[in-house]
Protein backbone atom coordinates (compact mmCIF):
# COMPACT_ATOMS: atom_id res chain seq x y z
CA MET A 1 84.48 -18.17 -14.93
CA THR A 2 87.29 -15.49 -14.77
CA TYR A 3 86.52 -12.05 -13.07
CA ASN A 4 88.30 -9.21 -14.11
CA ILE A 5 89.66 -6.87 -11.98
CA LEU A 6 90.98 -3.28 -12.44
CA ILE A 7 93.03 -1.53 -9.94
CA SER A 8 93.25 2.14 -10.70
CA ASP A 9 94.98 3.68 -8.03
CA PRO A 10 98.52 2.57 -6.42
CA LEU A 11 97.98 0.01 -3.82
CA HIS A 12 100.17 -1.94 -1.43
CA LYS A 13 101.59 -4.81 -3.22
CA GLU A 14 101.42 -7.36 -0.69
CA GLY A 15 97.72 -6.44 0.01
CA ILE A 16 96.50 -7.56 -3.18
CA THR A 17 97.86 -10.95 -2.86
CA PRO A 18 94.48 -12.55 -2.03
CA LEU A 19 93.50 -11.24 -5.57
CA LEU A 20 96.59 -12.28 -7.33
CA ASN A 21 96.26 -15.77 -6.01
CA HIS A 22 92.78 -16.81 -6.82
CA LYS A 23 92.67 -18.99 -9.74
CA ASP A 24 89.01 -17.09 -11.02
CA ILE A 25 90.32 -13.57 -10.81
CA HIS A 26 92.59 -11.69 -13.29
CA VAL A 27 94.22 -8.78 -12.46
CA ASP A 28 95.07 -5.56 -14.48
CA ILE A 29 96.69 -2.64 -12.74
CA HIS A 30 96.76 1.01 -14.76
CA THR A 31 97.37 3.80 -12.01
CA ASP A 32 98.06 6.40 -14.41
CA LEU A 33 94.73 6.38 -16.52
CA THR A 34 92.98 9.77 -16.97
CA SER A 35 89.20 10.05 -16.59
CA GLU A 36 88.63 9.76 -20.08
CA GLN A 37 90.61 6.49 -20.68
CA LEU A 38 89.20 4.97 -17.56
CA VAL A 39 85.78 5.57 -19.01
CA ALA A 40 86.85 3.81 -22.21
CA LYS A 41 88.44 0.72 -20.58
CA ILE A 42 85.94 0.18 -17.59
CA GLY A 43 83.23 -1.72 -19.59
CA SER A 44 85.10 -5.23 -19.63
CA TYR A 45 85.69 -5.34 -15.95
CA ASP A 46 83.97 -6.96 -13.20
CA GLY A 47 85.50 -5.11 -10.42
CA LEU A 48 87.24 -1.81 -9.50
CA LEU A 49 89.85 -1.26 -6.93
CA VAL A 50 90.52 2.53 -6.06
CA ARG A 51 91.79 4.79 -3.18
CA SER A 52 91.06 8.45 -3.17
CA GLN A 53 92.55 9.43 -6.49
CA THR A 54 90.01 7.76 -9.13
CA GLN A 55 86.77 9.25 -8.87
CA VAL A 56 84.20 6.73 -9.57
CA THR A 57 81.56 8.84 -10.88
CA LYS A 58 77.91 8.36 -12.29
CA GLU A 59 79.51 8.84 -15.76
CA LEU A 60 81.97 6.19 -15.07
CA LEU A 61 79.35 3.89 -13.83
CA GLU A 62 77.02 4.58 -16.85
CA HIS A 63 79.90 2.91 -19.05
CA ALA A 64 80.84 0.20 -16.55
CA ARG A 65 78.11 -2.58 -17.98
CA ASN A 66 79.80 -5.65 -16.37
CA LEU A 67 80.98 -4.02 -12.96
CA LYS A 68 79.44 -5.68 -10.11
CA ILE A 69 81.78 -4.45 -6.90
CA VAL A 70 83.85 -1.33 -6.29
CA GLY A 71 86.51 -1.84 -3.55
CA ARG A 72 87.78 1.52 -1.86
CA ALA A 73 91.19 0.40 -0.10
CA GLY A 74 90.40 3.12 2.94
CA VAL A 75 87.61 4.34 4.88
CA GLY A 76 86.11 7.34 3.15
CA VAL A 77 83.95 6.87 -0.15
CA ASP A 78 84.03 10.52 -0.93
CA ASN A 79 84.95 9.67 -4.34
CA ILE A 80 82.33 7.16 -5.08
CA ASP A 81 78.93 7.80 -6.08
CA LEU A 82 77.16 5.42 -3.75
CA ASP A 83 73.75 6.40 -5.12
CA ALA A 84 74.54 5.44 -8.76
CA ALA A 85 76.55 2.54 -7.82
CA THR A 86 73.42 1.42 -5.59
CA GLU A 87 70.85 1.93 -8.79
CA ARG A 88 73.20 -0.11 -10.90
CA GLY A 89 73.22 -3.15 -8.24
CA ILE A 90 76.89 -2.41 -7.84
CA ILE A 91 78.07 -3.20 -4.10
CA VAL A 92 80.75 -0.88 -2.57
CA VAL A 93 83.12 -2.21 0.04
CA ASN A 94 85.44 -0.50 1.88
CA ALA A 95 88.11 -1.10 4.84
CA PRO A 96 86.87 1.02 8.05
CA ASN A 97 88.89 -0.92 10.60
CA ALA A 98 92.39 -1.68 9.04
CA ASN A 99 93.73 1.62 9.97
CA THR A 100 92.47 2.01 13.50
CA ASN A 101 95.39 1.22 15.20
CA SER A 102 97.47 3.76 13.06
CA ALA A 103 95.16 6.58 13.64
CA ALA A 104 95.04 6.02 17.30
CA GLU A 105 98.92 6.04 17.60
CA HIS A 106 98.96 9.23 15.55
CA THR A 107 96.55 11.22 17.88
CA MET A 108 98.61 10.06 20.82
CA ALA A 109 101.89 10.97 18.89
CA MET A 110 100.51 14.31 18.26
CA ILE A 111 99.44 14.88 22.05
CA MET A 112 102.73 13.74 23.11
CA ALA A 113 104.29 16.14 20.85
CA LEU A 114 102.02 19.07 21.73
CA SER A 115 102.66 18.47 25.23
CA ARG A 116 106.26 18.64 25.25
CA LYS A 117 106.63 21.01 22.23
CA ILE A 118 108.77 18.77 20.36
CA PRO A 119 108.19 20.08 16.76
CA GLN A 120 109.17 23.71 18.02
CA ALA A 121 111.99 22.68 19.83
CA TYR A 122 113.45 20.60 17.17
CA PHE A 123 113.15 23.32 14.66
CA ALA A 124 115.03 26.01 17.00
CA LEU A 125 117.67 23.30 17.22
CA LYS A 126 117.67 23.32 13.51
CA ASN A 127 118.30 26.86 13.51
CA HIS A 128 121.18 26.49 15.89
CA GLN A 129 119.45 27.73 18.83
CA TRP A 130 119.93 26.00 22.06
CA ASP A 131 116.80 27.19 23.87
CA ARG A 132 115.58 25.27 26.92
CA LYS A 133 113.44 27.68 28.83
CA ASN A 134 111.06 28.33 25.95
CA TYR A 135 110.26 24.64 25.42
CA VAL A 136 109.11 23.89 28.82
CA GLY A 137 106.23 21.42 28.46
CA VAL A 138 103.52 19.75 30.68
CA GLU A 139 103.64 15.87 31.79
CA LEU A 140 100.14 13.96 30.74
CA LYS A 141 100.25 12.14 33.93
CA ASN A 142 97.06 12.91 36.04
CA LYS A 143 95.75 15.26 33.26
CA THR A 144 92.38 14.85 31.84
CA LEU A 145 91.85 13.89 28.35
CA GLY A 146 88.71 14.66 27.28
CA ILE A 147 87.54 12.56 24.10
CA ILE A 148 84.51 13.64 22.18
CA GLY A 149 83.49 10.59 20.13
CA LEU A 150 84.15 6.81 21.57
CA GLY A 151 84.10 4.74 18.38
CA ARG A 152 86.77 2.53 17.21
CA ILE A 153 89.54 4.97 16.91
CA GLY A 154 88.47 6.92 20.04
CA THR A 155 88.38 3.83 22.15
CA GLU A 156 91.75 2.96 21.40
CA VAL A 157 92.95 6.76 22.17
CA ALA A 158 91.35 6.01 25.38
CA TYR A 159 93.35 2.78 26.17
CA ARG A 160 96.61 4.66 25.27
CA ALA A 161 95.76 7.41 27.41
CA LYS A 162 95.34 5.50 30.51
CA GLY A 163 98.71 3.81 29.69
CA GLN A 164 100.02 7.14 30.13
CA ARG A 165 98.24 7.41 33.38
CA MET A 166 95.88 10.25 32.00
CA LYS A 167 92.28 10.69 33.48
CA VAL A 168 89.80 10.00 30.40
CA PHE A 169 86.67 11.68 30.43
CA ALA A 170 84.66 10.84 27.32
CA TYR A 171 81.66 12.27 25.62
CA ASP A 172 79.51 9.95 23.05
CA PRO A 173 75.79 9.91 22.41
CA PHE A 174 76.03 5.90 22.48
CA LEU A 175 78.33 5.77 25.36
CA SER A 176 76.46 3.79 28.43
CA PRO A 177 77.67 3.84 32.05
CA GLU A 178 78.21 0.09 31.73
CA LYS A 179 80.70 0.61 28.89
CA ALA A 180 82.35 3.39 30.75
CA GLU A 181 82.61 1.43 33.77
CA LYS A 182 83.91 -1.66 31.66
CA MET A 183 86.50 1.01 30.09
CA GLY A 184 87.72 2.14 33.64
CA ILE A 185 86.65 5.63 32.18
CA ALA A 186 84.42 8.74 33.08
CA PHE A 187 81.85 10.02 30.84
CA GLY A 188 79.25 13.08 30.72
CA THR A 189 78.03 15.46 28.43
CA LEU A 190 79.77 17.31 25.92
CA GLU A 191 79.78 20.55 27.90
CA GLU A 192 80.94 18.61 30.87
CA VAL A 193 83.89 17.05 28.97
CA LEU A 194 84.69 20.58 27.52
CA LYS A 195 84.88 22.13 31.05
CA THR A 196 86.58 19.55 32.47
CA SER A 197 89.62 18.54 30.22
CA ASP A 198 93.13 19.41 29.87
CA PHE A 199 93.49 18.02 26.42
CA ILE A 200 90.75 17.41 24.14
CA THR A 201 90.64 15.12 20.82
CA VAL A 202 87.69 14.93 18.80
CA HIS A 203 87.08 11.49 17.00
CA THR A 204 83.43 12.23 15.64
CA PRO A 205 82.35 11.71 11.71
CA LEU A 206 81.87 15.36 9.78
CA MET A 207 78.54 15.78 9.21
CA LYS A 208 75.63 18.60 9.63
CA GLU A 209 75.61 18.13 13.63
CA THR A 210 79.28 18.09 14.08
CA LYS A 211 80.38 20.54 11.52
CA HIS A 212 82.23 23.32 13.77
CA LEU A 213 81.15 21.54 16.85
CA ILE A 214 84.21 22.99 18.45
CA ASN A 215 83.10 26.49 17.98
CA GLU A 216 83.72 29.76 19.77
CA GLU A 217 80.78 29.00 22.48
CA ALA A 218 82.54 25.59 23.22
CA PHE A 219 86.26 27.32 23.52
CA ASN A 220 84.32 29.78 26.10
CA LEU A 221 83.69 26.72 28.44
CA MET A 222 86.94 25.47 28.48
CA LYS A 223 89.83 25.66 31.04
CA PRO A 224 92.43 28.32 30.35
CA GLY A 225 95.18 26.62 28.99
CA VAL A 226 93.54 23.67 27.19
CA GLN A 227 95.13 21.86 24.28
CA ILE A 228 93.43 20.65 21.44
CA VAL A 229 94.08 17.91 18.83
CA ASN A 230 92.27 16.90 15.78
CA CYS A 231 93.10 13.67 13.81
CA ALA A 232 89.54 12.95 12.64
CA ARG A 233 88.12 15.47 10.07
CA GLY A 234 88.85 19.03 8.91
CA GLY A 235 85.69 21.14 9.93
CA ILE A 236 84.89 19.42 13.42
CA ILE A 237 86.87 22.51 14.70
CA ASP A 238 85.92 25.97 13.44
CA GLU A 239 89.53 27.04 12.59
CA GLU A 240 88.66 30.84 12.79
CA ALA A 241 87.38 30.13 16.35
CA LEU A 242 90.46 28.16 17.29
CA TYR A 243 92.78 31.08 15.98
CA LYS A 244 90.92 33.29 18.11
CA ALA A 245 91.35 31.37 20.95
CA ILE A 246 94.95 30.71 20.48
CA ILE A 247 95.67 34.17 20.23
CA SER A 248 93.69 34.97 23.47
CA LYS A 249 95.84 32.61 25.34
CA LYS A 250 92.36 30.43 26.11
CA VAL A 251 94.02 27.50 24.13
CA ALA A 252 97.85 26.58 24.87
CA GLY A 253 98.49 24.68 21.87
CA ALA A 254 96.67 22.85 19.12
CA ALA A 255 97.84 19.70 17.10
CA LEU A 256 96.22 19.27 13.55
CA ASP A 257 96.30 16.46 11.12
CA VAL A 258 93.25 17.39 9.13
CA PHE A 259 91.81 20.52 7.82
CA GLU A 260 88.75 22.22 6.32
CA LYS A 261 90.26 22.61 2.95
CA GLU A 262 92.84 20.04 2.00
CA PRO A 263 95.48 20.16 0.46
CA ILE A 264 96.77 23.37 2.09
CA HIS A 265 99.78 25.42 1.06
CA HIS A 266 99.17 28.29 3.45
CA HIS A 267 97.15 28.72 6.51
CA VAL A 268 96.83 31.42 9.02
CA LEU A 269 97.03 28.75 11.79
CA LEU A 270 100.52 27.84 10.81
CA GLU A 271 101.66 30.93 11.48
CA LEU A 272 101.30 30.32 15.31
CA PRO A 273 104.17 28.93 17.50
CA GLU A 274 101.76 27.25 19.50
CA VAL A 275 100.40 24.77 16.49
CA ILE A 276 101.90 21.84 15.15
CA ALA A 277 100.45 20.11 12.01
CA THR A 278 100.95 17.07 9.80
CA PRO A 279 99.38 16.77 6.20
CA HIS A 280 96.56 14.02 6.80
CA LEU A 281 99.09 11.22 7.96
CA GLY A 282 96.57 9.23 10.45
CA ALA A 283 96.48 6.47 8.34
CA SER A 284 99.79 6.81 6.72
CA THR A 285 101.77 3.87 7.84
CA VAL A 286 103.22 0.89 5.99
CA GLU A 287 100.91 -1.43 8.06
CA ALA A 288 97.79 0.31 7.36
CA GLN A 289 97.97 0.65 3.79
CA LYS A 290 98.87 -2.97 3.61
CA ASN A 291 96.13 -3.72 5.77
CA VAL A 292 93.46 -1.72 3.95
CA THR A 293 94.41 -3.23 0.84
CA ILE A 294 94.20 -6.69 2.31
CA ASP A 295 90.66 -6.37 3.72
CA VAL A 296 89.22 -4.84 0.52
CA SER A 297 90.81 -7.34 -1.65
CA GLU A 298 89.64 -10.28 0.71
CA ASP A 299 85.95 -8.69 0.49
CA VAL A 300 86.16 -8.60 -3.63
CA VAL A 301 87.18 -12.48 -3.43
CA ASN A 302 84.38 -13.17 -0.76
CA PHE A 303 81.85 -11.33 -2.96
CA PHE A 304 82.92 -13.43 -6.21
CA ALA A 305 83.01 -16.74 -4.47
CA GLY A 306 79.34 -16.07 -3.15
CA ASP A 307 80.43 -15.79 0.59
CA VAL A 308 79.71 -12.93 3.01
CA VAL A 309 81.40 -9.14 2.27
CA ARG A 310 82.27 -7.93 5.92
CA ASN A 311 82.33 -4.09 5.06
CA PRO A 312 79.49 -3.38 2.56
CA VAL A 313 78.64 0.57 2.44
CA ASN A 314 75.83 0.08 0.16
CA ILE A 315 73.17 -2.41 -0.71
CA PRO A 316 72.04 -3.63 -4.20
CA SER A 317 68.60 -2.48 -5.35
CA LEU A 318 65.83 -4.36 -4.00
CA PRO A 319 63.56 -5.83 -6.80
CA LEU A 320 61.12 -3.62 -8.32
CA ASP A 321 58.00 -5.49 -7.22
CA THR A 322 59.25 -5.76 -3.63
CA MET A 323 60.42 -2.02 -3.63
CA ASN A 324 57.15 -0.86 -4.97
CA LYS A 325 55.41 -2.55 -2.12
CA LEU A 326 57.61 -1.13 0.56
CA ALA A 327 58.40 2.29 -0.71
CA HIS A 328 56.15 4.31 1.21
CA HIS A 329 56.61 2.23 4.47
CA LEU A 330 60.06 2.76 4.22
CA THR A 331 59.79 6.31 3.70
CA LEU A 332 57.42 6.20 6.73
CA ALA A 333 60.00 4.40 8.97
CA GLU A 334 62.76 6.96 8.47
CA LYS A 335 60.61 9.74 9.18
CA LEU A 336 59.51 8.06 12.43
CA GLY A 337 63.21 7.34 13.34
CA THR A 338 64.27 10.87 12.25
CA LEU A 339 61.44 12.48 14.52
CA LEU A 340 62.34 10.01 17.68
CA ILE A 341 65.81 10.55 17.64
CA HIS A 342 65.61 14.10 17.56
CA LEU A 343 63.56 14.16 20.82
CA THR A 344 65.93 11.88 22.53
CA GLU A 345 69.04 12.88 24.19
CA GLU A 346 70.48 10.22 26.37
CA ALA A 347 72.39 7.34 25.14
CA ILE A 348 70.27 4.63 23.31
CA GLU A 349 70.50 1.07 24.68
CA GLU A 350 67.45 -0.67 22.70
CA ILE A 351 65.59 0.00 19.55
CA SER A 352 62.44 -1.79 18.75
CA VAL A 353 60.51 -1.70 15.74
CA ILE A 354 56.87 -3.30 16.06
CA PHE A 355 54.88 -4.32 12.76
CA ALA A 356 51.07 -4.35 13.08
CA GLY A 357 47.99 -5.21 10.77
CA ASP A 358 48.88 -5.64 7.13
CA LEU A 359 52.47 -5.13 8.03
CA SER A 360 52.72 -8.19 9.68
CA ASP A 361 52.66 -10.19 6.39
CA MET A 362 55.35 -8.47 4.65
CA GLU A 363 59.09 -8.96 4.73
CA VAL A 364 59.78 -6.51 7.28
CA SER A 365 63.48 -6.55 7.66
CA ALA A 366 63.88 -3.76 5.09
CA PHE A 367 61.97 -1.60 7.86
CA THR A 368 64.22 -2.41 10.68
CA ARG A 369 67.41 -1.78 8.55
CA ARG A 370 66.16 1.61 7.71
CA THR A 371 64.94 2.58 10.86
CA VAL A 372 68.20 1.64 12.70
CA ARG A 373 70.33 3.28 10.06
CA THR A 374 68.30 6.49 10.48
CA ILE A 375 68.61 6.52 14.18
CA LEU A 376 72.59 5.87 14.31
CA ARG A 377 73.23 8.38 11.38
CA ARG A 378 71.92 11.19 13.88
CA HIS A 379 75.19 10.69 15.59
CA LEU A 380 77.42 8.45 13.36
CA GLY A 381 77.19 10.11 9.95
CA PRO A 382 75.94 9.35 6.55
CA HIS A 383 78.25 6.00 6.00
CA VAL A 384 75.72 4.02 8.25
CA ASN A 385 73.34 2.48 5.88
CA GLU A 386 70.91 -0.66 5.56
CA VAL A 387 73.71 -3.10 5.43
CA ASN A 388 75.98 -2.18 8.12
CA ALA A 389 73.44 -0.35 10.57
CA LEU A 390 72.80 -3.79 12.54
CA TYR A 391 76.22 -4.39 13.00
CA LEU A 392 77.13 -1.03 13.94
CA ALA A 393 74.22 -1.22 16.70
CA LYS A 394 75.69 -4.71 17.73
CA LYS A 395 79.24 -3.08 17.96
CA ARG A 396 77.88 -0.32 20.04
CA GLY A 397 76.00 -2.63 22.44
CA ILE A 398 72.49 -1.54 21.28
CA ILE A 399 70.04 -4.36 21.47
CA ILE A 400 67.71 -4.55 18.24
CA HIS A 401 64.21 -6.03 18.56
CA GLN A 402 61.98 -6.67 15.54
CA GLY A 403 58.23 -8.06 16.24
CA LYS A 404 55.07 -8.63 14.36
CA THR A 405 51.52 -8.67 15.58
CA SER A 406 48.28 -9.34 13.72
CA GLU A 407 46.33 -7.72 16.74
CA LYS A 408 43.60 -5.39 15.53
CA ASN A 409 44.08 -1.60 16.13
CA ASP A 410 42.48 1.50 14.54
CA PHE A 411 44.48 1.46 11.67
CA THR A 412 45.11 -1.57 8.72
CA ASN A 413 48.79 -1.23 9.21
CA LEU A 414 50.70 0.26 12.02
CA LEU A 415 54.40 0.85 12.51
CA THR A 416 55.53 1.53 15.86
CA LEU A 417 59.29 2.56 17.21
CA HIS A 418 60.30 2.34 20.99
CA LEU A 419 63.92 3.53 21.93
CA LYS A 420 65.12 2.61 25.31
CA THR A 421 67.62 5.12 27.00
CA THR A 422 69.67 5.12 29.85
CA SER A 423 67.02 7.38 31.63
CA GLY A 424 63.68 6.17 29.81
CA THR A 425 62.11 5.42 26.85
CA GLY A 426 60.56 7.04 23.77
CA CYS A 427 57.82 5.76 21.45
CA ILE A 428 56.29 6.85 18.42
CA SER A 429 53.76 5.10 15.66
CA GLY A 430 53.03 6.01 12.15
CA THR A 431 50.41 4.44 9.49
CA ILE A 432 49.93 4.89 5.71
CA LEU A 433 46.21 5.62 5.34
CA ASN A 434 44.78 4.48 1.86
CA GLY A 435 44.47 7.83 -0.38
CA LEU A 436 45.83 10.05 2.23
CA GLY A 437 49.47 9.01 2.72
CA ALA A 438 51.63 8.76 5.69
CA ARG A 439 50.66 9.96 9.36
CA ILE A 440 52.31 9.92 12.47
CA VAL A 441 49.53 9.01 14.93
CA GLU A 442 51.14 8.95 18.37
CA ILE A 443 54.30 10.36 20.00
CA ASN A 444 55.11 9.23 23.64
CA GLY A 445 51.63 8.22 24.50
CA TYR A 446 49.96 11.31 23.05
CA ARG A 447 47.43 10.94 20.11
CA VAL A 448 48.33 13.30 16.91
CA ASP A 449 47.36 13.44 13.39
CA ILE A 450 50.69 14.86 11.76
CA ILE A 451 51.76 14.61 8.18
CA PRO A 452 55.59 13.66 8.24
CA GLU A 453 57.42 16.32 6.45
CA GLY A 454 58.42 19.93 6.63
CA HIS A 455 59.56 21.90 9.35
CA ILE A 456 58.25 20.49 12.80
CA VAL A 457 58.55 22.06 16.19
CA PHE A 458 57.44 19.72 19.00
CA ILE A 459 57.03 21.45 22.30
CA HIS A 460 56.53 19.57 25.78
CA HIS A 461 54.74 21.80 28.00
CA THR A 462 52.61 22.22 31.24
CA ASP A 463 48.86 22.67 30.19
CA GLN A 464 47.77 25.87 31.43
CA PRO A 465 45.41 28.72 29.80
CA GLY A 466 47.15 31.18 27.26
CA VAL A 467 49.98 29.22 26.54
CA ILE A 468 48.94 28.43 22.85
CA GLY A 469 47.92 32.27 22.35
CA ARG A 470 51.72 33.53 23.57
CA LEU A 471 53.47 30.96 21.44
CA GLY A 472 51.74 32.34 18.42
CA SER A 473 52.44 35.89 19.43
CA LEU A 474 56.17 35.15 19.63
CA LEU A 475 56.12 33.36 16.21
CA ALA A 476 54.08 36.21 14.80
CA GLU A 477 56.77 38.78 15.79
CA TYR A 478 59.32 36.79 13.60
CA ASN A 479 56.91 36.50 10.72
CA ILE A 480 56.69 32.46 11.51
CA ASN A 481 53.29 31.46 10.09
CA ILE A 482 52.05 28.04 11.75
CA ALA A 483 50.54 25.64 9.20
CA THR A 484 48.99 23.03 11.42
CA MET A 485 48.92 22.56 15.46
CA GLN A 486 48.49 19.51 16.99
CA VAL A 487 47.59 19.22 20.98
CA ASP A 488 47.05 16.78 23.39
CA ARG A 489 47.53 16.69 27.41
CA SER A 490 47.75 13.62 29.88
CA ASP A 491 45.28 15.48 32.08
CA VAL A 492 44.06 18.88 32.86
CA GLY A 493 46.71 21.25 34.24
CA GLY A 494 49.32 18.45 33.42
CA ASP A 495 51.96 17.48 31.04
CA ALA A 496 50.94 18.41 27.37
CA ILE A 497 52.52 18.51 23.90
CA MET A 498 51.89 20.74 20.72
CA VAL A 499 53.54 19.77 17.55
CA LEU A 500 53.74 22.78 14.89
CA LYS A 501 54.22 22.62 11.50
CA ILE A 502 55.78 25.89 10.28
CA ASP A 503 56.34 27.43 6.80
CA ARG A 504 59.93 27.78 7.28
CA LYS A 505 63.09 26.68 9.30
CA ILE A 506 62.98 28.23 12.37
CA ASP A 507 66.35 29.94 14.05
CA ILE A 508 67.75 28.74 17.09
CA HIS A 509 67.56 31.83 18.96
CA VAL A 510 63.69 31.70 18.45
CA VAL A 511 63.89 28.30 19.70
CA HIS A 512 65.79 29.65 22.91
CA GLU A 513 62.99 32.26 23.30
CA ILE A 514 60.33 29.43 23.26
CA GLN A 515 62.43 27.36 25.94
CA ALA A 516 62.59 30.46 27.91
CA MET A 517 58.69 30.74 28.32
CA MET A 518 57.38 29.86 31.93
CA GLU A 519 55.31 26.66 30.87
CA ILE A 520 57.67 25.34 28.52
CA ASN A 521 59.46 22.44 29.44
CA ASP A 522 61.15 21.05 26.35
CA VAL A 523 61.48 22.48 22.39
CA LYS A 524 62.78 20.50 19.56
CA ALA A 525 62.95 22.05 16.22
CA ILE A 526 63.15 19.23 13.50
CA ASP A 527 63.09 19.00 10.00
CA LEU A 528 61.49 15.97 8.20
C-alpha cells in the first residue's frame, strides 16, 4: 500500500530524505497553497507535514477524510487544532528535542553580547564612532546566572554557563537536590534566584502560571544592575515592567529573542540602548531546521510502518465503549490531580496512583496517564498529554507507581493519589457515588465530602474557637458567599483543615488577608 504525504510548508530538503527513500510513501510538495486550495486538496492525503505557516484548523481536518498523521517540524503546535485531530483519530507528532542545542547556544550568545555590549559597539562603529569608554562590559566569570526553568534547554544553558565559569543558581518545580548536586549547580526558590543573580534567563513554557512571571514585583526583588535574557516565550516577562525597570536603572540590560506579540515592527523597548534583540531566532540554524525535519519525517515513517512514534503530542480517541466506562473516573482523576498539585510546593519525586474496589477490574493505565498529565501540566504547560506524560516524568526523575487492590473499604470504587516530594507527602482520595457523581473523600488524612468543581479555598489552620466566624466575616466584607464548608481536625486544639466552596473566584489580596489571620497556617485558592 502506498501512503500519500503532503508537505505544505518549506522544509529542509535533506530532512525529508526518510520519506523520499521509503518505498511505500509518495511525497507531494506544495508550499504555496491558499487555505481554500489546501482544503480542496487535503482529502486524498494520508499524512501532512507542516511548520508554522500552514494552519491545520478544524475546517481543514473535516475535509481530510484519509488523514492519519500530522507532523509539525518544530516544537510548537499552536497552528494545529489538537482537539479536532484527536477527535478524528489523527495523531500529531512534533520535534521537541532537535532545536535544544540551537536554542541553548543562542541564549549564551545573547548573554555574551549583552555583557560586552557588542551590538551597541558595532552600530557605533558602523556610524564612524570609535568609542571605547561607553562600551565597557562585564566578565561572566564568577557572576551568578539565575536560570528559571531547568528543562532541556535550561539544562544545556547551565552546562554552557559553567564552561564560562559562572555560578549557576536555578529554580524549577521539579528540580531535586540530587539532580542539582549531580549537575554541580545551586538551586532555590524563585524568590532566592531573583534576589541573588547577576544575570537571569528564563526557560519556562508560557501558560497561565508563567504569564508575566517576571513582573514589577519580581524586578523589585532583583539586585541593582541585573541583566535579563528571554529566548523562551514572549509573555513570560512583563514588557512594561521591564521598560520601567531599565529606565529606573534597576536592570542594566536586557536581551530578547521573543516578544508578547510577534512579528514586531516597532517596540518601545527597542528604543532603549540597554536592550538588544533578535527576531525569534532561537531555533534558526541550518542544523536545527534539518534536525527537526528529520525527526518528524522519521516519526511519520515509523507510524506507517506500525512502529512506535517517539514524539506524539496527542493520543487517538479511545473506543467509544471504553470511553463511556472510564469517562467519569478520568474526570475524577484530573480533578484529584489538580487539587493535590496545587497543595504541593516542593519538587515532586514520586507519584502513586492506587485503584480500589470496582476500579481494580478496569483497564487503569488511562487513569495513570491522565493523573500524571494533570500534575505535570501545573509547571510544564499544556504540551503535556496522556501520551508523553510518563516519558516527561521519567526524564525528570519522577518515579510513577500504579497499583490495584480489591481490599474492601467504605466505597465500591476508590481512586487515591500520593505525591512524594523533597520534604514530605500528599494524599487525596475520590470516588464516584452511584446517582450522586464524583466526590473527594479524603485530603492528607482528613475526611471530607466535596464535589470537585467550582471555586475551592483550602485552609490549613489551628483548631481554635472563633476561627470559622472571623473567616466568614472577612469573606462577607468582600461579598464572597460560602456555598459549602467542610471542616476536620486531627485533635482538639491541633491541626485542622477547612475546605470552602465559594460562588466566585477569590482575589489574591483576599487570600493574603486570610493568610494573615493568627490561626491560619496556609491558604490555597483553587479553581476546579
